[in-house]
N, C-alpha and C. Protein backbone atom coordinates (compact mmCIF):
# COMPACT_ATOMS: atom_id res chain seq x y z
N MET A 1 -12.10 23.07 11.86
CA MET A 1 -11.14 22.59 11.92
C MET A 1 -10.39 21.39 11.49
N ARG A 2 -11.71 20.60 12.21
CA ARG A 2 -11.67 19.02 12.75
C ARG A 2 -11.76 18.59 10.66
N THR A 3 -13.39 19.36 11.02
CA THR A 3 -13.67 19.12 9.16
C THR A 3 -12.44 18.92 8.16
N ARG A 4 -11.90 20.30 8.09
CA ARG A 4 -10.93 21.06 7.04
C ARG A 4 -9.60 19.79 7.32
N MET A 5 -9.14 19.20 8.22
CA MET A 5 -8.23 18.21 8.44
C MET A 5 -8.67 16.94 7.75
N THR A 6 -9.67 16.25 8.00
CA THR A 6 -10.30 14.97 7.76
C THR A 6 -10.74 15.09 5.94
N LEU A 7 -11.05 16.22 5.58
CA LEU A 7 -10.97 16.10 4.29
C LEU A 7 -9.80 16.61 3.11
N ILE A 8 -8.57 17.07 4.02
CA ILE A 8 -7.35 17.52 3.23
C ILE A 8 -6.49 15.64 3.51
N TRP A 9 -7.29 14.73 4.22
CA TRP A 9 -6.40 13.22 4.77
C TRP A 9 -6.77 12.37 3.20
N LEU A 10 -8.83 12.53 3.24
CA LEU A 10 -8.97 12.02 2.53
C LEU A 10 -8.60 12.49 0.57
N VAL A 11 -8.02 13.56 0.58
CA VAL A 11 -8.11 13.87 -0.82
C VAL A 11 -6.11 13.35 -1.04
N ALA A 12 -5.51 13.30 -0.36
CA ALA A 12 -4.31 12.43 -0.25
C ALA A 12 -4.49 11.24 -0.28
N ALA A 13 -4.79 10.67 0.54
CA ALA A 13 -5.39 9.13 0.11
C ALA A 13 -5.68 8.93 -1.24
N VAL A 14 -6.51 9.84 -1.68
CA VAL A 14 -7.38 9.25 -3.28
C VAL A 14 -6.00 9.43 -4.60
N ALA A 15 -5.16 10.55 -3.69
CA ALA A 15 -3.80 10.82 -4.36
C ALA A 15 -2.81 9.79 -4.61
N ALA A 16 -2.96 9.18 -3.73
CA ALA A 16 -1.91 7.74 -3.81
C ALA A 16 -2.38 6.73 -4.52
N GLY A 17 -3.80 6.46 -4.81
CA GLY A 17 -4.00 5.77 -5.29
C GLY A 17 -4.73 4.52 -4.44
N VAL A 18 -5.13 5.04 -2.92
CA VAL A 18 -5.61 4.16 -1.95
C VAL A 18 -6.88 4.36 -1.24
N VAL A 19 -8.00 3.28 -1.55
CA VAL A 19 -9.21 3.65 -1.34
C VAL A 19 -9.85 2.72 -0.30
N GLY A 20 -8.76 1.91 0.54
CA GLY A 20 -9.53 1.36 1.56
C GLY A 20 -8.66 1.48 3.06
N CYS A 21 -8.06 0.23 3.86
CA CYS A 21 -7.58 0.53 4.79
C CYS A 21 -6.18 -0.99 4.60
N THR A 22 -5.78 -1.02 5.71
CA THR A 22 -4.92 -2.20 6.68
C THR A 22 -5.61 -2.58 7.55
N SER A 23 -5.47 -4.05 6.66
CA SER A 23 -5.84 -5.10 8.20
C SER A 23 -4.90 -6.48 8.79
N VAL A 24 -4.46 -7.01 9.32
CA VAL A 24 -3.91 -8.36 9.52
C VAL A 24 -4.57 -9.30 9.89
N ASP A 25 -4.67 -10.60 9.33
CA ASP A 25 -4.96 -11.63 9.73
C ASP A 25 -3.71 -12.62 10.40
N GLU A 26 -4.27 -12.54 11.61
CA GLU A 26 -3.63 -12.24 13.26
C GLU A 26 -3.30 -14.52 12.65
N GLY A 27 -4.44 -15.15 12.26
CA GLY A 27 -4.44 -16.23 11.81
C GLY A 27 -3.22 -17.08 11.41
N ARG A 28 -3.43 -16.05 10.14
CA ARG A 28 -2.03 -16.68 8.66
C ARG A 28 -1.18 -16.09 8.70
N LYS A 29 -1.00 -14.55 9.84
CA LYS A 29 0.11 -13.54 9.95
C LYS A 29 0.25 -13.15 8.50
N THR A 30 -1.02 -12.79 8.05
CA THR A 30 -0.96 -11.88 6.76
C THR A 30 -0.89 -10.68 6.70
N LYS A 31 -0.82 -9.72 6.19
CA LYS A 31 -0.64 -8.47 6.03
C LYS A 31 -1.60 -8.18 5.07
N ARG A 32 -2.48 -7.67 4.65
CA ARG A 32 -3.30 -7.03 3.71
C ARG A 32 -3.89 -5.29 3.57
N ALA A 33 -3.55 -4.93 2.55
CA ALA A 33 -4.30 -3.30 2.38
C ALA A 33 -5.08 -3.10 1.37
N MET A 34 -6.18 -3.09 1.84
CA MET A 34 -7.64 -3.64 0.85
C MET A 34 -7.21 -2.07 -0.17
N GLY A 35 -7.72 -2.51 -1.42
CA GLY A 35 -8.34 -1.88 -2.08
C GLY A 35 -7.21 -0.84 -3.05
N ILE A 36 -6.07 -1.24 -3.90
CA ILE A 36 -4.67 -0.41 -4.39
C ILE A 36 -5.26 -0.30 -5.60
N LEU A 37 -5.52 1.26 -6.41
CA LEU A 37 -5.74 1.30 -7.82
C LEU A 37 -4.91 0.38 -8.52
N PRO A 38 -5.10 0.10 -9.55
CA PRO A 38 -4.32 -0.99 -10.17
C PRO A 38 -3.28 -0.22 -11.07
N GLN A 39 -2.12 -0.47 -11.27
CA GLN A 39 -1.12 0.71 -11.94
C GLN A 39 -0.38 -0.34 -13.57
N GLU A 40 -0.08 0.61 -14.27
CA GLU A 40 0.75 0.18 -15.82
C GLU A 40 1.36 -1.08 -15.84
N SER A 41 2.41 -0.75 -14.64
CA SER A 41 3.64 -1.99 -14.16
C SER A 41 4.24 -1.96 -12.91
N TYR A 42 4.39 -2.90 -12.65
CA TYR A 42 5.05 -3.37 -11.15
C TYR A 42 6.34 -3.69 -11.20
N ALA A 43 7.30 -3.07 -10.26
CA ALA A 43 8.76 -3.53 -10.33
C ALA A 43 9.10 -5.11 -9.65
N LYS A 44 10.11 -5.94 -10.49
CA LYS A 44 10.47 -7.19 -9.90
C LYS A 44 10.80 -6.91 -8.52
N LEU A 45 10.50 -8.11 -8.05
CA LEU A 45 11.42 -8.35 -6.67
C LEU A 45 12.69 -9.12 -7.54
N THR A 46 13.98 -9.12 -6.67
CA THR A 46 15.20 -9.63 -6.85
C THR A 46 15.81 -10.60 -5.52
N ASP A 47 15.05 -10.90 -5.26
CA ASP A 47 15.81 -11.43 -3.53
C ASP A 47 14.58 -11.92 -2.54
N TYR A 48 13.69 -13.66 -3.63
CA TYR A 48 12.28 -13.99 -2.42
C TYR A 48 12.39 -15.56 -2.67
N LYS A 49 11.74 -16.11 -1.88
CA LYS A 49 11.89 -17.43 -1.91
C LYS A 49 10.59 -17.59 -1.71
N LEU A 50 9.58 -18.38 -2.92
CA LEU A 50 8.39 -18.46 -2.84
C LEU A 50 8.20 -20.00 -3.50
N GLU A 51 7.01 -20.86 -2.62
CA GLU A 51 6.38 -21.74 -3.61
C GLU A 51 5.37 -21.85 -3.79
N LEU A 52 4.83 -22.06 -4.60
CA LEU A 52 3.50 -22.52 -5.13
C LEU A 52 3.10 -23.80 -5.60
N ARG A 53 2.70 -24.47 -5.13
CA ARG A 53 2.05 -25.96 -4.85
C ARG A 53 0.66 -26.33 -5.09
N THR A 54 0.16 -27.59 -5.65
CA THR A 54 -1.26 -27.75 -5.52
C THR A 54 -1.68 -28.28 -4.31
N ASP A 55 -2.39 -27.60 -3.84
CA ASP A 55 -2.45 -28.20 -2.18
C ASP A 55 -4.10 -28.64 -2.01
N SER A 56 -4.74 -29.50 -2.51
CA SER A 56 -6.05 -30.40 -2.64
C SER A 56 -6.29 -31.50 -3.29
N ARG A 57 -7.50 -32.33 -3.07
CA ARG A 57 -7.90 -33.76 -2.98
C ARG A 57 -7.26 -34.05 -5.24
N LYS A 58 -6.56 -34.94 -5.28
CA LYS A 58 -6.19 -34.84 -6.34
C LYS A 58 -7.29 -35.38 -7.17
N ILE A 59 -8.26 -36.30 -6.65
CA ILE A 59 -9.76 -36.69 -6.96
C ILE A 59 -11.03 -36.03 -7.76
N LEU A 60 -11.72 -35.73 -8.90
CA LEU A 60 -12.27 -34.87 -8.74
C LEU A 60 -13.41 -35.70 -9.57
N HIS A 61 -14.53 -35.34 -8.91
CA HIS A 61 -15.77 -36.12 -9.35
C HIS A 61 -17.00 -35.32 -10.49
N VAL A 62 -17.34 -35.24 -11.64
CA VAL A 62 -18.23 -34.53 -12.49
C VAL A 62 -19.47 -34.35 -11.76
N GLY A 63 -19.73 -32.85 -11.52
CA GLY A 63 -20.88 -32.20 -10.99
C GLY A 63 -20.41 -31.58 -9.65
N GLU A 64 -18.76 -31.68 -8.88
CA GLU A 64 -18.70 -31.16 -7.74
C GLU A 64 -18.20 -29.89 -7.90
N GLY A 65 -17.90 -29.52 -9.08
CA GLY A 65 -17.68 -28.11 -9.46
C GLY A 65 -16.28 -28.01 -9.74
N GLY A 66 -15.47 -29.24 -9.78
CA GLY A 66 -14.33 -29.16 -10.16
C GLY A 66 -13.36 -28.05 -9.81
N GLU A 67 -13.06 -27.96 -8.35
CA GLU A 67 -12.48 -26.72 -7.74
C GLU A 67 -10.96 -27.46 -7.39
N VAL A 68 -9.78 -26.58 -7.30
CA VAL A 68 -8.53 -26.57 -7.15
C VAL A 68 -7.97 -25.92 -6.39
N THR A 69 -7.06 -26.16 -5.29
CA THR A 69 -6.53 -25.21 -4.47
C THR A 69 -5.16 -25.56 -4.73
N PHE A 70 -4.39 -23.97 -4.56
CA PHE A 70 -3.20 -23.78 -4.58
C PHE A 70 -2.79 -22.97 -3.36
N THR A 71 -1.60 -22.83 -3.07
CA THR A 71 -0.78 -22.63 -1.75
C THR A 71 0.18 -21.79 -2.14
N LEU A 72 0.22 -20.45 -2.29
CA LEU A 72 1.65 -19.84 -1.92
C LEU A 72 1.89 -19.76 -0.64
N ARG A 73 3.47 -20.04 -0.80
CA ARG A 73 4.11 -20.14 1.11
C ARG A 73 5.45 -19.46 0.79
N ASN A 74 5.88 -18.72 1.78
CA ASN A 74 6.98 -17.85 1.69
C ASN A 74 7.78 -18.89 2.53
N MET A 75 9.06 -19.03 1.32
CA MET A 75 9.93 -20.47 2.13
C MET A 75 11.24 -19.53 2.66
N ASP A 76 11.05 -18.20 2.53
CA ASP A 76 12.42 -17.46 2.68
C ASP A 76 12.44 -17.27 4.68
N LYS A 77 13.66 -16.37 5.20
CA LYS A 77 13.60 -15.74 6.87
C LYS A 77 13.31 -14.62 6.47
N LYS A 78 12.51 -14.32 5.95
CA LYS A 78 12.28 -13.01 5.79
C LYS A 78 10.98 -12.63 5.06
N ASN A 79 9.99 -11.18 5.53
CA ASN A 79 8.80 -11.16 5.34
C ASN A 79 8.98 -10.65 3.47
N ILE A 80 8.05 -11.39 2.78
CA ILE A 80 8.18 -10.96 1.42
C ILE A 80 6.65 -10.29 1.10
N ARG A 81 6.93 -8.79 0.51
CA ARG A 81 5.49 -8.08 -0.03
C ARG A 81 5.65 -7.69 -1.11
N ILE A 82 4.04 -8.29 -1.65
CA ILE A 82 3.67 -8.37 -3.22
C ILE A 82 2.79 -7.45 -3.19
N VAL A 83 2.96 -6.10 -3.77
CA VAL A 83 2.22 -4.90 -3.82
C VAL A 83 0.83 -5.33 -4.88
N GLU A 84 1.03 -6.00 -5.53
CA GLU A 84 -0.37 -6.26 -6.80
C GLU A 84 -0.90 -7.35 -6.66
N TRP A 85 -1.20 -8.04 -5.47
CA TRP A 85 -2.46 -9.18 -5.06
C TRP A 85 -3.51 -8.48 -5.52
N PHE A 86 -4.22 -9.30 -6.42
CA PHE A 86 -5.45 -9.36 -6.80
C PHE A 86 -6.53 -9.36 -5.67
N SER A 87 -7.68 -8.64 -5.55
CA SER A 87 -8.35 -8.45 -4.31
C SER A 87 -9.15 -10.29 -4.42
N ASN A 88 -9.81 -10.08 -5.88
CA ASN A 88 -9.90 -11.23 -6.46
C ASN A 88 -9.43 -12.11 -6.42
N GLU A 89 -9.29 -13.42 -5.21
CA GLU A 89 -8.17 -14.53 -5.34
C GLU A 89 -8.01 -15.09 -6.49
N PRO A 90 -8.58 -15.56 -7.21
CA PRO A 90 -8.18 -16.30 -8.28
C PRO A 90 -7.68 -15.96 -9.21
N ASP A 91 -7.92 -14.59 -9.18
CA ASP A 91 -6.99 -14.19 -10.59
C ASP A 91 -5.53 -14.00 -10.45
N ASN A 92 -5.40 -14.07 -9.44
CA ASN A 92 -3.09 -14.65 -8.96
C ASN A 92 -3.04 -15.38 -9.65
N VAL A 93 -3.86 -16.94 -10.14
CA VAL A 93 -3.18 -17.76 -10.74
C VAL A 93 -3.41 -18.18 -11.83
N ILE A 94 -2.49 -18.63 -12.73
CA ILE A 94 -3.08 -19.00 -14.37
C ILE A 94 -2.56 -20.60 -14.12
N VAL A 95 -3.54 -21.41 -14.72
CA VAL A 95 -3.70 -22.77 -14.74
C VAL A 95 -3.55 -23.28 -16.04
N TYR A 96 -2.73 -24.36 -16.22
CA TYR A 96 -2.59 -25.14 -17.37
C TYR A 96 -2.42 -26.26 -17.28
N CYS A 97 -2.98 -26.99 -18.51
CA CYS A 97 -3.62 -28.91 -18.65
C CYS A 97 -3.52 -29.62 -19.70
N GLN A 98 -3.57 -30.76 -19.59
CA GLN A 98 -3.53 -31.26 -20.92
C GLN A 98 -3.95 -32.94 -20.22
N PRO A 99 -3.91 -33.41 -21.05
CA PRO A 99 -4.63 -34.82 -21.14
C PRO A 99 -3.57 -35.54 -20.97
N TRP A 100 -3.23 -37.43 -19.91
CA TRP A 100 -3.03 -37.92 -19.59
C TRP A 100 -2.92 -38.95 -20.90
N LEU A 101 -2.68 -39.00 -21.92
CA LEU A 101 -3.18 -40.09 -22.69
C LEU A 101 -2.41 -41.37 -22.91
N THR A 102 -2.41 -42.41 -22.98
CA THR A 102 -2.60 -43.94 -23.24
C THR A 102 -1.04 -43.53 -23.84
N GLY A 103 -0.02 -44.66 -22.82
CA GLY A 103 1.29 -44.59 -23.40
C GLY A 103 2.10 -43.41 -22.70
N MET A 104 1.95 -42.08 -21.86
CA MET A 104 2.66 -40.87 -21.60
C MET A 104 3.16 -41.84 -20.23
N THR A 105 4.31 -41.00 -19.94
CA THR A 105 4.62 -41.11 -18.16
C THR A 105 5.36 -39.86 -18.21
N GLU A 106 4.87 -38.94 -18.71
CA GLU A 106 5.81 -37.35 -18.37
C GLU A 106 4.22 -36.52 -19.49
N PRO A 107 4.44 -34.82 -19.01
CA PRO A 107 3.56 -34.33 -20.14
C PRO A 107 4.55 -33.99 -21.19
N ASP A 108 3.46 -33.48 -22.45
CA ASP A 108 4.32 -33.25 -23.42
C ASP A 108 4.12 -31.30 -23.03
N GLU A 109 5.70 -31.13 -23.18
CA GLU A 109 5.90 -29.35 -23.05
C GLU A 109 5.11 -28.40 -24.18
N GLN A 110 5.13 -29.10 -25.15
CA GLN A 110 4.33 -28.14 -26.63
C GLN A 110 2.88 -28.92 -26.28
N ALA A 111 2.47 -29.33 -25.36
CA ALA A 111 1.13 -29.49 -25.70
C ALA A 111 -0.16 -28.68 -23.99
N TRP A 112 0.71 -28.01 -23.64
CA TRP A 112 0.26 -27.44 -22.65
C TRP A 112 -1.33 -26.43 -23.18
N THR A 113 -2.27 -26.61 -22.23
CA THR A 113 -2.98 -25.37 -22.95
C THR A 113 -3.45 -24.42 -21.45
N GLU A 114 -3.27 -23.61 -21.68
CA GLU A 114 -3.50 -22.34 -20.56
C GLU A 114 -5.24 -22.10 -20.69
N LEU A 115 -5.94 -22.41 -18.98
CA LEU A 115 -7.43 -22.11 -19.28
C LEU A 115 -7.78 -20.90 -19.24
N SER A 116 -8.73 -20.69 -20.18
CA SER A 116 -8.75 -19.17 -19.94
C SER A 116 -10.48 -18.64 -18.82
N PHE A 117 -9.61 -17.37 -18.56
CA PHE A 117 -10.21 -17.40 -16.97
C PHE A 117 -10.63 -15.53 -17.08
N ASP A 118 -11.51 -15.34 -16.83
CA ASP A 118 -11.46 -13.66 -16.95
C ASP A 118 -11.37 -13.25 -15.76
N VAL A 119 -10.39 -11.73 -15.77
CA VAL A 119 -10.43 -11.38 -14.62
C VAL A 119 -11.11 -10.50 -13.98
N ARG A 120 -11.60 -10.73 -13.03
CA ARG A 120 -12.63 -9.58 -12.07
C ARG A 120 -12.44 -8.01 -12.51
N ARG A 121 -13.36 -7.30 -13.06
CA ARG A 121 -13.57 -5.88 -13.69
C ARG A 121 -13.93 -5.20 -12.08
N PRO A 122 -13.62 -3.83 -11.56
CA PRO A 122 -11.69 -3.70 -12.47
C PRO A 122 -11.39 -4.04 -11.41
N PRO A 123 -9.84 -4.44 -12.01
CA PRO A 123 -8.93 -5.53 -10.91
C PRO A 123 -8.35 -4.85 -10.05
N ILE A 124 -9.31 -4.61 -9.02
CA ILE A 124 -8.24 -4.10 -7.76
C ILE A 124 -7.28 -4.81 -6.99
N ARG A 125 -6.52 -3.94 -6.07
CA ARG A 125 -4.90 -4.68 -6.28
C ARG A 125 -4.98 -4.27 -4.90
N TYR A 126 -3.89 -4.85 -3.95
CA TYR A 126 -4.24 -4.38 -2.41
C TYR A 126 -2.65 -5.69 -2.46
N PRO A 127 -1.67 -4.84 -1.34
CA PRO A 127 -0.49 -5.41 -0.99
C PRO A 127 -0.76 -6.51 0.24
N LEU A 128 0.20 -7.74 -0.44
CA LEU A 128 0.20 -8.79 0.55
C LEU A 128 1.49 -8.98 0.76
N GLU A 129 1.24 -9.39 2.41
CA GLU A 129 2.60 -9.07 3.10
C GLU A 129 2.70 -10.74 3.81
N LEU A 130 3.77 -12.20 3.36
CA LEU A 130 3.71 -12.93 3.76
C LEU A 130 4.80 -12.85 4.75
N MET A 131 4.66 -13.75 5.94
CA MET A 131 5.99 -13.94 6.89
C MET A 131 6.66 -15.16 7.01
N PRO A 132 7.80 -15.21 7.48
CA PRO A 132 8.67 -16.66 7.20
C PRO A 132 7.70 -17.69 6.94
N GLY A 133 7.05 -18.86 6.38
CA GLY A 133 6.48 -20.00 6.24
C GLY A 133 5.24 -19.71 6.67
N ASN A 134 4.70 -18.52 6.26
CA ASN A 134 3.27 -18.45 6.27
C ASN A 134 2.43 -18.65 4.48
N GLN A 135 0.93 -18.76 4.35
CA GLN A 135 0.70 -18.93 3.25
C GLN A 135 -0.73 -18.43 3.16
N VAL A 136 -0.55 -18.34 2.01
CA VAL A 136 -1.90 -17.91 1.14
C VAL A 136 -2.64 -18.83 0.38
N LEU A 137 -4.05 -19.60 0.20
CA LEU A 137 -4.56 -20.18 -0.77
C LEU A 137 -5.11 -19.52 -1.67
N VAL A 138 -5.51 -20.02 -2.35
CA VAL A 138 -6.09 -19.85 -4.06
C VAL A 138 -6.66 -20.52 -4.93
N THR A 139 -7.79 -20.80 -4.84
CA THR A 139 -8.61 -21.94 -5.27
C THR A 139 -9.38 -21.46 -6.60
N LYS A 140 -9.01 -22.29 -7.77
CA LYS A 140 -9.79 -22.33 -8.97
C LYS A 140 -10.51 -23.59 -9.26
N GLU A 141 -11.47 -23.03 -10.07
CA GLU A 141 -12.71 -23.69 -10.51
C GLU A 141 -12.56 -23.90 -12.18
N LEU A 142 -12.26 -25.37 -12.28
CA LEU A 142 -12.15 -25.82 -13.40
C LEU A 142 -13.58 -25.87 -14.49
N PRO A 143 -13.89 -24.97 -14.69
CA PRO A 143 -15.43 -25.40 -15.55
C PRO A 143 -14.98 -26.59 -16.41
N PHE A 144 -14.26 -27.75 -17.39
CA PHE A 144 -14.56 -28.07 -17.96
C PHE A 144 -15.14 -29.76 -17.06
N VAL A 145 -14.86 -29.35 -15.87
CA VAL A 145 -14.66 -30.87 -15.57
C VAL A 145 -16.09 -31.28 -15.30
N ASP A 146 -17.41 -30.22 -14.90
CA ASP A 146 -18.47 -30.57 -14.76
C ASP A 146 -18.71 -30.87 -16.08
N LYS A 147 -18.29 -30.40 -17.34
CA LYS A 147 -19.07 -30.62 -18.61
C LYS A 147 -18.40 -31.95 -19.43
N MET A 148 -17.60 -32.92 -18.34
CA MET A 148 -17.47 -33.92 -18.90
C MET A 148 -18.24 -35.36 -18.96
N ALA A 149 -18.13 -36.11 -19.81
CA ALA A 149 -18.93 -37.44 -19.56
C ALA A 149 -18.09 -38.33 -19.53
N ILE A 150 -18.45 -38.94 -18.45
CA ILE A 150 -17.65 -40.46 -18.26
C ILE A 150 -18.10 -41.64 -17.78
N SER A 151 -17.83 -42.61 -18.30
CA SER A 151 -18.57 -43.91 -18.07
C SER A 151 -18.29 -44.35 -16.62
N PRO A 152 -19.56 -44.95 -16.29
CA PRO A 152 -19.42 -45.42 -15.01
C PRO A 152 -17.73 -46.59 -14.72
N GLY A 153 -17.19 -46.31 -13.44
CA GLY A 153 -15.82 -47.15 -13.60
C GLY A 153 -14.76 -46.80 -14.13
N ALA A 154 -15.27 -45.76 -15.34
CA ALA A 154 -13.87 -45.05 -15.62
C ALA A 154 -13.69 -43.75 -15.48
N GLU A 155 -12.47 -43.32 -15.67
CA GLU A 155 -11.50 -42.27 -15.25
C GLU A 155 -10.88 -41.66 -16.39
N ARG A 156 -10.88 -39.76 -15.98
CA ARG A 156 -9.87 -39.39 -16.83
C ARG A 156 -8.69 -38.69 -16.15
N ARG A 157 -7.46 -38.90 -16.91
CA ARG A 157 -6.51 -37.83 -15.99
C ARG A 157 -5.90 -36.62 -16.45
N PHE A 158 -5.39 -35.72 -16.20
CA PHE A 158 -5.19 -34.73 -16.57
C PHE A 158 -3.35 -34.15 -16.08
N PHE A 159 -2.58 -34.13 -16.73
CA PHE A 159 -1.42 -33.24 -16.05
C PHE A 159 -1.90 -31.57 -15.77
N ILE A 160 -1.44 -31.52 -14.62
CA ILE A 160 -1.80 -29.43 -14.77
C ILE A 160 -0.65 -29.07 -14.02
N LYS A 161 -0.51 -27.75 -13.78
CA LYS A 161 0.42 -26.81 -13.56
C LYS A 161 -0.51 -25.35 -13.26
N ALA A 162 0.64 -24.65 -12.57
CA ALA A 162 0.15 -23.17 -12.66
C ALA A 162 1.55 -22.37 -12.02
N LYS A 163 1.23 -21.36 -12.14
CA LYS A 163 1.82 -20.51 -12.16
C LYS A 163 1.20 -18.68 -11.96
N LEU A 164 1.56 -18.14 -11.02
CA LEU A 164 1.33 -16.51 -10.56
C LEU A 164 0.60 -15.99 -12.31
N ASN A 165 0.18 -15.33 -11.65
CA ASN A 165 -0.47 -13.91 -13.30
C ASN A 165 0.11 -12.66 -12.19
N LEU A 166 1.26 -12.03 -12.32
CA LEU A 166 1.79 -11.05 -11.55
C LEU A 166 2.95 -10.91 -12.06
N GLN A 167 3.48 -9.15 -12.15
CA GLN A 167 4.53 -8.90 -12.92
C GLN A 167 5.90 -8.99 -11.42
N SER A 168 5.14 -8.75 -10.92
CA SER A 168 7.05 -8.22 -9.60
C SER A 168 7.13 -9.78 -9.02
N VAL A 169 6.27 -11.13 -9.37
CA VAL A 169 7.46 -12.13 -8.92
C VAL A 169 7.47 -13.41 -9.76
N SER A 170 8.14 -13.64 -10.19
CA SER A 170 8.02 -15.10 -10.99
C SER A 170 7.87 -16.70 -10.46
N VAL A 171 6.74 -17.06 -10.17
CA VAL A 171 6.51 -18.41 -9.36
C VAL A 171 5.79 -19.67 -10.30
N SER A 172 5.89 -20.36 -10.59
CA SER A 172 5.59 -21.89 -11.16
C SER A 172 5.24 -22.99 -10.35
N SER A 173 4.26 -23.55 -10.25
CA SER A 173 4.36 -25.09 -9.32
C SER A 173 5.10 -25.98 -10.38
N PRO A 174 5.06 -27.24 -9.40
CA PRO A 174 4.99 -28.58 -10.36
C PRO A 174 4.22 -28.93 -11.18
N VAL A 175 4.23 -29.45 -11.75
CA VAL A 175 3.25 -30.23 -12.80
C VAL A 175 2.51 -31.75 -11.82
N SER A 176 1.48 -31.68 -11.49
CA SER A 176 0.71 -32.74 -10.59
C SER A 176 -0.23 -33.28 -12.04
N VAL A 177 -0.93 -34.66 -10.96
CA VAL A 177 -1.59 -35.31 -12.11
C VAL A 177 -3.38 -34.94 -11.36
N LEU A 178 -4.08 -34.47 -12.12
CA LEU A 178 -5.60 -34.53 -12.17
C LEU A 178 -6.21 -36.04 -12.40
N ILE A 179 -7.15 -36.42 -11.68
CA ILE A 179 -8.02 -37.34 -12.14
C ILE A 179 -9.58 -37.29 -12.20
N VAL A 180 -10.34 -37.33 -13.00
CA VAL A 180 -11.53 -36.77 -12.78
C VAL A 180 -12.52 -38.34 -12.90
N ARG A 181 -13.41 -38.63 -12.24
CA ARG A 181 -14.51 -40.00 -11.96
C ARG A 181 -15.63 -39.35 -12.40
N PRO A 182 -16.67 -40.32 -12.66
CA PRO A 182 -18.12 -39.56 -13.04
C PRO A 182 -17.87 -39.53 -11.89
N GLY A 183 -20.05 -38.60 -11.58
CA GLY A 183 -20.50 -37.87 -10.77
C GLY A 183 -20.55 -39.20 -9.91
N ASN A 184 -20.59 -38.63 -8.49
CA ASN A 184 -21.12 -39.39 -7.21
C ASN A 184 -22.39 -39.22 -6.56
N GLY A 185 -23.30 -38.90 -7.36
CA GLY A 185 -24.53 -38.34 -6.57
C GLY A 185 -24.64 -37.02 -5.59
N ARG A 186 -23.29 -36.19 -5.92
CA ARG A 186 -23.45 -35.09 -5.14
C ARG A 186 -23.06 -34.29 -5.81
N LYS A 187 -23.57 -32.94 -5.21
CA LYS A 187 -22.94 -31.18 -5.60
C LYS A 187 -22.00 -30.78 -5.23
N ALA A 188 -21.43 -29.65 -6.07
CA ALA A 188 -20.65 -28.65 -5.04
C ALA A 188 -20.61 -28.59 -3.32
N GLY A 189 -19.78 -28.61 -2.91
CA GLY A 189 -20.00 -28.86 -1.32
C GLY A 189 -20.07 -29.87 -1.14
N GLY A 190 -20.13 -31.26 -1.21
CA GLY A 190 -20.82 -32.43 -0.88
C GLY A 190 -22.06 -32.42 -0.35
N LYS A 191 -22.87 -31.90 -0.88
CA LYS A 191 -24.16 -32.35 -0.36
C LYS A 191 -24.97 -33.25 -1.09
N PRO A 192 -25.45 -34.17 -0.32
CA PRO A 192 -26.45 -35.22 -1.36
C PRO A 192 -27.37 -34.57 -2.58
N VAL A 193 -27.46 -34.89 -4.03
CA VAL A 193 -28.60 -34.97 -4.59
C VAL A 193 -29.77 -35.37 -4.16
N PRO A 194 -30.90 -34.46 -3.96
CA PRO A 194 -32.15 -35.60 -3.89
C PRO A 194 -32.57 -36.34 -4.52
N ALA A 195 -32.63 -37.53 -4.48
CA ALA A 195 -33.70 -38.37 -6.00
C ALA A 195 -34.74 -38.23 -5.79
N ARG A 196 -35.11 -38.00 -7.63
CA ARG A 196 -36.17 -37.84 -8.12
C ARG A 196 -37.22 -39.16 -8.08
N ARG A 197 -38.40 -39.61 -7.79
CA ARG A 197 -39.10 -40.35 -7.98
C ARG A 197 -39.58 -40.48 -8.92
N SER A 198 -39.77 -41.36 -9.92
CA SER A 198 -40.24 -41.66 -10.96
C SER A 198 -41.70 -41.59 -10.94
N GLY A 199 -42.50 -40.50 -11.53
CA GLY A 199 -43.89 -40.69 -11.46
C GLY A 199 -44.58 -39.93 -10.42
N ALA A 200 -43.39 -38.99 -9.87
CA ALA A 200 -44.19 -38.80 -8.00
C ALA A 200 -44.55 -37.10 -8.57
N ARG A 201 -45.52 -36.72 -7.72
CA ARG A 201 -46.03 -35.36 -8.03
C ARG A 201 -45.68 -33.94 -8.09
N ARG A 202 -45.66 -33.33 -8.39
CA ARG A 202 -44.92 -32.00 -7.80
C ARG A 202 -46.18 -30.99 -7.54
């Protein structure tokens, strides 16, 4: 009888599109339910206060990975539940960028370029519930940073902004400035790159 009831429960779970379980992150007070199968569309929320901001260093160096972190914070007085949150968290944010050219004081609204990223397949989702005042961090790696050639002592500046890659909520970040400078002999993670001696034996 017990085996039969277990099978019935599993069939019901699959039919509901759930392939995981619910967990609670006490540190951030953020509830997560892992492994919801994607839907064709998601109902839009009508009453929410969410803030998306750049929450990382504004100066990057070539060769360090080009990572930028964004913070999504619940500014409301009630819990906000987002049912379509991507399990691969970088997929939740779209990043736009444009170079800060000489003479510019603000970005050109016609010059924004959406940075292309492939969404991980299959695009597994799960409900994300943010309690008042709590936040979730999303880190994106900007691939163009490590491909840049910048002379010693020089730097390149960019305007960047982001928005959520979701249907149920519409949230965009303010514009911020990103500075890229030449590599400083370190790689991603901040560890020094060993120097190779000229003529050294291998």
